Amino acid sequence: MTTSNGSGPDPAPRPLVERIGLALVALVLAALFAVVAVASFVGGEPFLGVMGVIGCVMVLWVGALTLIRG
């Protein structure tokens, strides 16, 4: 089977332990974004707070995709 650009075979899926580790890293980064969001909203910076929430959601999304899809 070839990749979408036709350059060669699909790479082997990541091992489960590696996927779990990457998902844990994503959780830590998402927690940091959440802290930034909360601190920004408390400090009266709604734009930065919204950006922190968006960053948190995006990191959680990618972490979940990494864990599920491998």
Protein backbone atom coordinates (compact mmCIF):
# COMPACT_ATOMS: atom_id res chain seq x y z
CA MET A 1 0.00 0.00 0.00
CA THR A 2 1.29 3.49 -0.77
CA THR A 3 0.96 6.80 1.01
CA SER A 4 -1.37 9.50 -0.28
CA ASN A 5 1.42 11.07 -2.34
CA GLY A 6 2.43 7.70 -3.79
CA SER A 7 6.02 7.91 -2.54
CA GLY A 8 6.21 4.50 -0.91
CA PRO A 9 4.71 2.10 1.60
CA ASP A 10 2.76 3.31 4.63
CA PRO A 11 4.92 3.54 7.75
CA ALA A 12 4.33 0.99 10.49
CA PRO A 13 1.93 2.13 13.21
CA ARG A 14 3.44 3.43 16.43
CA PRO A 15 3.63 1.02 19.37
CA LEU A 16 0.94 1.42 22.03
CA VAL A 17 3.41 2.57 24.69
CA GLU A 18 4.64 5.35 22.40
CA ARG A 19 1.08 6.47 21.63
CA ILE A 20 0.25 6.54 25.35
CA GLY A 21 3.39 8.56 26.07
CA LEU A 22 2.56 11.09 23.37
CA ALA A 23 -1.00 11.37 24.68
CA LEU A 24 0.37 12.07 28.18
CA VAL A 25 2.59 14.81 26.79
CA ALA A 26 -0.46 16.28 25.08
CA LEU A 27 -2.35 16.22 28.39
CA VAL A 28 0.42 18.15 30.12
CA LEU A 29 0.51 20.77 27.36
CA ALA A 30 -3.29 21.03 27.38
CA ALA A 31 -3.21 21.61 31.13
CA LEU A 32 -0.72 24.44 30.62
CA PHE A 33 -2.97 26.02 28.00
CA ALA A 34 -5.91 25.67 30.41
CA VAL A 35 -3.94 27.45 33.15
CA VAL A 36 -3.14 30.27 30.74
CA ALA A 37 -6.83 30.50 29.77
CA VAL A 38 -8.06 30.65 33.36
CA ALA A 39 -5.41 33.17 34.39
CA SER A 40 -6.23 35.32 31.39
CA PHE A 41 -9.96 35.35 32.07
CA VAL A 42 -9.35 36.14 35.75
CA GLY A 43 -6.91 38.87 34.78
CA GLY A 44 -9.36 40.54 32.43
CA GLU A 45 -7.83 39.46 29.13
CA PRO A 46 -10.66 37.67 27.31
CA PHE A 47 -8.87 37.45 23.95
CA LEU A 48 -5.88 35.67 25.48
CA GLY A 49 -8.27 33.48 27.46
CA VAL A 50 -10.12 32.42 24.32
CA MET A 51 -6.82 31.69 22.60
CA GLY A 52 -5.77 29.56 25.59
CA VAL A 53 -9.01 27.59 25.41
CA ILE A 54 -8.57 27.06 21.67
CA GLY A 55 -4.99 25.87 22.23
CA CYS A 56 -6.14 23.50 24.96
CA VAL A 57 -8.85 21.98 22.77
CA MET A 58 -6.53 21.62 19.78
CA VAL A 59 -3.84 19.86 21.82
CA LEU A 60 -6.41 17.50 23.35
CA TRP A 61 -7.77 16.76 19.88
CA VAL A 62 -4.35 15.92 18.45
CA GLY A 63 -3.46 13.87 21.53
CA ALA A 64 -6.64 11.85 21.12
CA LEU A 65 -5.98 11.32 17.42
CA THR A 66 -2.46 10.14 18.20
CA LEU A 67 -3.78 7.66 20.75
CA ILE A 68 -6.63 6.36 18.60
CA ARG A 69 -5.13 6.31 15.11
CA GLY A 70 -1.55 5.48 16.01
